[in-house]
């Protein structure tokens, strides 16, 4: 299983989607307040950063973006890192 990390912006805040593609897999979406480093290295977010949404069972980046657009309409600056 390969973990993928994406960042995006919504309403002037930074978010991260961390997870894996495939059936039964998910991406956890977390919001990072200013000054909080993006240092997630596993498929679970640290307890100090609440998971705001789960995107499950997506198979491609395009499917992930479509699901994020439902949960975070008008998001911008989507990029892998």
N, C-alpha and C. Protein backbone atom coordinates (compact mmCIF):
# COMPACT_ATOMS: atom_id res chain seq x y z
N UNK A 1 0.84 -1.18 0.00
CA UNK A 1 0.00 0.00 0.00
C UNK A 1 0.89 1.24 0.00
N UNK A 2 0.63 2.14 -0.92
CA UNK A 2 1.38 3.37 -1.00
C UNK A 2 0.51 4.51 -0.48
N UNK A 3 1.03 5.23 0.49
CA UNK A 3 0.32 6.38 1.03
C UNK A 3 0.59 7.60 0.16
N UNK A 4 -0.48 8.31 -0.16
CA UNK A 4 -0.38 9.53 -0.97
C UNK A 4 -0.73 10.71 -0.09
N UNK A 5 -0.06 11.84 -0.36
CA UNK A 5 -0.32 13.07 0.38
C UNK A 5 -0.60 14.18 -0.60
N UNK A 6 -1.69 14.89 -0.35
CA UNK A 6 -2.05 16.03 -1.18
C UNK A 6 -2.35 17.21 -0.26
N UNK A 7 -2.05 18.39 -0.74
CA UNK A 7 -2.42 19.60 0.00
C UNK A 7 -3.39 20.39 -0.87
N UNK A 8 -4.23 21.17 -0.20
CA UNK A 8 -5.13 22.07 -0.92
C UNK A 8 -5.56 23.17 0.02
N UNK A 9 -6.15 24.21 -0.56
CA UNK A 9 -6.63 25.35 0.22
C UNK A 9 -8.13 25.49 0.05
N UNK A 10 -8.78 25.96 1.12
CA UNK A 10 -10.22 26.21 1.07
C UNK A 10 -10.53 27.28 2.11
N UNK A 11 -11.19 28.35 1.68
CA UNK A 11 -11.54 29.46 2.58
C UNK A 11 -10.32 29.96 3.36
N UNK A 12 -9.23 30.18 2.66
CA UNK A 12 -7.99 30.74 3.22
C UNK A 12 -7.35 29.86 4.30
N UNK A 13 -7.61 28.57 4.26
CA UNK A 13 -6.98 27.64 5.20
C UNK A 13 -6.28 26.54 4.42
N UNK A 14 -5.26 25.94 5.03
CA UNK A 14 -4.53 24.83 4.40
C UNK A 14 -5.06 23.50 4.91
N UNK A 15 -5.19 22.55 4.00
CA UNK A 15 -5.67 21.21 4.32
C UNK A 15 -4.72 20.18 3.74
N UNK A 16 -4.80 18.98 4.28
CA UNK A 16 -4.03 17.86 3.76
C UNK A 16 -4.96 16.66 3.64
N UNK A 17 -4.84 15.93 2.53
CA UNK A 17 -5.53 14.66 2.34
C UNK A 17 -4.45 13.60 2.31
N UNK A 18 -4.54 12.67 3.23
CA UNK A 18 -3.52 11.63 3.38
C UNK A 18 -4.19 10.27 3.36
N UNK A 19 -3.74 9.38 2.48
CA UNK A 19 -4.35 8.06 2.44
C UNK A 19 -3.92 7.26 1.24
N UNK A 20 -4.80 6.33 0.85
CA UNK A 20 -4.49 5.40 -0.24
C UNK A 20 -5.71 5.21 -1.12
N UNK A 21 -5.44 4.92 -2.40
CA UNK A 21 -6.49 4.62 -3.36
C UNK A 21 -6.92 3.17 -3.22
N UNK A 22 -8.20 2.90 -3.54
CA UNK A 22 -8.67 1.54 -3.66
C UNK A 22 -9.87 1.23 -2.79
N UNK A 23 -10.51 0.09 -3.09
CA UNK A 23 -11.67 -0.34 -2.31
C UNK A 23 -11.30 -0.53 -0.84
N UNK A 24 -12.11 0.00 0.03
CA UNK A 24 -11.87 -0.15 1.46
C UNK A 24 -10.80 0.78 2.01
N UNK A 25 -10.17 1.57 1.17
CA UNK A 25 -9.12 2.51 1.59
C UNK A 25 -9.74 3.88 1.73
N UNK A 26 -9.02 4.79 2.39
CA UNK A 26 -9.56 6.14 2.55
C UNK A 26 -8.46 7.19 2.59
N UNK A 27 -8.89 8.42 2.40
CA UNK A 27 -8.05 9.60 2.60
C UNK A 27 -8.64 10.36 3.77
N UNK A 28 -7.82 10.66 4.77
CA UNK A 28 -8.23 11.49 5.90
C UNK A 28 -7.87 12.93 5.57
N UNK A 29 -8.84 13.83 5.73
CA UNK A 29 -8.62 15.24 5.45
C UNK A 29 -8.49 15.98 6.78
N UNK A 30 -7.39 16.70 6.92
CA UNK A 30 -7.13 17.46 8.14
C UNK A 30 -6.84 18.91 7.77
N UNK A 31 -7.13 19.80 8.72
CA UNK A 31 -6.88 21.23 8.52
C UNK A 31 -5.71 21.63 9.40
N UNK A 32 -4.81 22.40 8.83
CA UNK A 32 -3.64 22.83 9.57
C UNK A 32 -3.74 24.32 9.88
N UNK A 33 -3.79 24.67 11.15
CA UNK A 33 -3.77 26.08 11.51
C UNK A 33 -2.42 26.69 11.12
N UNK A 34 -2.36 28.00 10.97
CA UNK A 34 -1.07 28.63 10.64
C UNK A 34 0.00 28.25 11.65
N UNK A 35 1.18 27.93 11.15
CA UNK A 35 2.29 27.60 12.02
C UNK A 35 2.41 26.14 12.39
N UNK A 36 1.42 25.31 12.05
CA UNK A 36 1.51 23.88 12.35
C UNK A 36 2.17 23.19 11.17
N UNK A 37 3.30 22.54 11.37
CA UNK A 37 4.00 21.91 10.25
C UNK A 37 3.25 20.69 9.73
N UNK A 38 3.37 20.46 8.44
CA UNK A 38 2.80 19.24 7.86
C UNK A 38 3.82 18.13 8.01
N UNK A 39 3.66 17.31 9.03
CA UNK A 39 4.65 16.28 9.31
C UNK A 39 4.01 14.90 9.44
N UNK A 40 2.89 14.68 8.79
CA UNK A 40 2.25 13.37 8.86
C UNK A 40 3.08 12.37 8.07
N UNK A 41 3.37 11.25 8.67
CA UNK A 41 4.17 10.27 7.95
C UNK A 41 3.50 8.90 7.94
N UNK A 42 2.34 8.77 8.55
CA UNK A 42 1.61 7.51 8.55
C UNK A 42 0.21 7.78 8.02
N UNK A 43 -0.62 6.76 7.97
CA UNK A 43 -1.96 6.94 7.43
C UNK A 43 -2.94 7.45 8.47
N UNK A 44 -2.48 7.77 9.67
CA UNK A 44 -3.37 8.34 10.67
C UNK A 44 -2.84 9.70 11.12
N UNK A 45 -3.75 10.61 11.33
CA UNK A 45 -3.36 11.96 11.73
C UNK A 45 -3.04 11.99 13.22
N UNK A 46 -2.15 12.87 13.63
CA UNK A 46 -1.88 13.00 15.06
C UNK A 46 -3.13 13.48 15.79
N UNK A 47 -3.26 13.12 17.04
CA UNK A 47 -4.47 13.43 17.79
C UNK A 47 -4.71 14.93 17.93
N UNK A 48 -3.68 15.75 17.81
CA UNK A 48 -3.85 17.19 17.94
C UNK A 48 -4.44 17.82 16.68
N UNK A 49 -4.53 17.08 15.58
CA UNK A 49 -5.08 17.59 14.33
C UNK A 49 -6.31 16.75 13.99
N UNK A 50 -7.53 17.29 14.23
CA UNK A 50 -8.73 16.48 14.01
C UNK A 50 -8.97 16.17 12.53
N UNK A 51 -9.47 14.98 12.27
CA UNK A 51 -9.85 14.57 10.92
C UNK A 51 -11.22 15.20 10.64
N UNK A 52 -11.30 15.98 9.58
CA UNK A 52 -12.53 16.68 9.23
C UNK A 52 -13.42 15.90 8.29
N UNK A 53 -12.83 15.05 7.48
CA UNK A 53 -13.60 14.29 6.51
C UNK A 53 -12.81 13.05 6.11
N UNK A 54 -13.54 12.01 5.73
CA UNK A 54 -12.93 10.82 5.14
C UNK A 54 -13.48 10.67 3.74
N UNK A 55 -12.59 10.43 2.80
CA UNK A 55 -12.98 10.16 1.42
C UNK A 55 -12.62 8.70 1.19
N UNK A 56 -13.61 7.86 0.95
CA UNK A 56 -13.37 6.43 0.86
C UNK A 56 -13.57 5.89 -0.55
N UNK A 57 -12.90 4.79 -0.82
CA UNK A 57 -13.09 4.00 -2.04
C UNK A 57 -12.86 4.76 -3.35
N UNK A 58 -11.91 5.70 -3.37
CA UNK A 58 -11.59 6.36 -4.63
C UNK A 58 -10.41 5.63 -5.27
N UNK A 59 -10.43 5.55 -6.60
CA UNK A 59 -9.40 4.80 -7.29
C UNK A 59 -8.37 5.64 -8.02
N UNK A 60 -8.68 6.92 -8.20
CA UNK A 60 -7.77 7.79 -8.95
C UNK A 60 -7.72 9.18 -8.32
N UNK A 61 -6.73 9.96 -8.74
CA UNK A 61 -6.65 11.34 -8.28
C UNK A 61 -7.87 12.14 -8.72
N UNK A 62 -8.39 11.88 -9.91
CA UNK A 62 -9.56 12.59 -10.39
C UNK A 62 -10.78 12.31 -9.52
N UNK A 63 -10.95 11.05 -9.10
CA UNK A 63 -12.06 10.71 -8.20
C UNK A 63 -11.89 11.39 -6.84
N UNK A 64 -10.66 11.44 -6.35
CA UNK A 64 -10.40 12.12 -5.09
C UNK A 64 -10.76 13.60 -5.20
N UNK A 65 -10.34 14.23 -6.28
CA UNK A 65 -10.64 15.66 -6.47
C UNK A 65 -12.14 15.89 -6.55
N UNK A 66 -12.86 15.00 -7.21
CA UNK A 66 -14.32 15.15 -7.32
C UNK A 66 -14.98 15.05 -5.95
N UNK A 67 -14.53 14.11 -5.13
CA UNK A 67 -15.09 13.96 -3.78
C UNK A 67 -14.73 15.16 -2.91
N UNK A 68 -13.51 15.65 -3.03
CA UNK A 68 -13.12 16.83 -2.25
C UNK A 68 -13.93 18.05 -2.67
N UNK A 69 -14.28 18.15 -3.94
CA UNK A 69 -15.07 19.28 -4.41
C UNK A 69 -16.47 19.26 -3.82
N UNK A 70 -16.98 18.09 -3.50
CA UNK A 70 -18.28 17.98 -2.84
C UNK A 70 -18.17 18.46 -1.39
N UNK A 71 -17.12 18.02 -0.71
CA UNK A 71 -16.94 18.34 0.71
C UNK A 71 -16.36 19.73 0.94
N UNK A 72 -15.55 20.21 0.01
CA UNK A 72 -14.87 21.51 0.12
C UNK A 72 -15.05 22.27 -1.21
N UNK A 73 -16.27 22.74 -1.49
CA UNK A 73 -16.55 23.37 -2.79
C UNK A 73 -15.61 24.54 -3.08
N UNK A 74 -15.08 24.54 -4.29
CA UNK A 74 -14.22 25.63 -4.72
C UNK A 74 -12.80 25.58 -4.18
N UNK A 75 -12.36 24.41 -3.70
CA UNK A 75 -10.99 24.32 -3.18
C UNK A 75 -9.98 24.65 -4.27
N UNK A 76 -8.79 25.09 -3.86
CA UNK A 76 -7.76 25.50 -4.81
C UNK A 76 -6.41 24.92 -4.41
N UNK A 77 -5.42 25.16 -5.24
CA UNK A 77 -4.01 24.81 -4.96
C UNK A 77 -3.81 23.34 -4.64
N UNK A 78 -4.53 22.46 -5.30
CA UNK A 78 -4.40 21.02 -5.07
C UNK A 78 -3.07 20.54 -5.64
N UNK A 79 -2.27 19.88 -4.82
CA UNK A 79 -0.98 19.38 -5.30
C UNK A 79 -0.51 18.23 -4.43
N UNK A 80 0.20 17.30 -5.04
CA UNK A 80 0.82 16.20 -4.30
C UNK A 80 2.09 16.72 -3.65
N UNK A 81 2.43 16.15 -2.50
CA UNK A 81 3.71 16.48 -1.87
C UNK A 81 4.18 15.34 -1.03
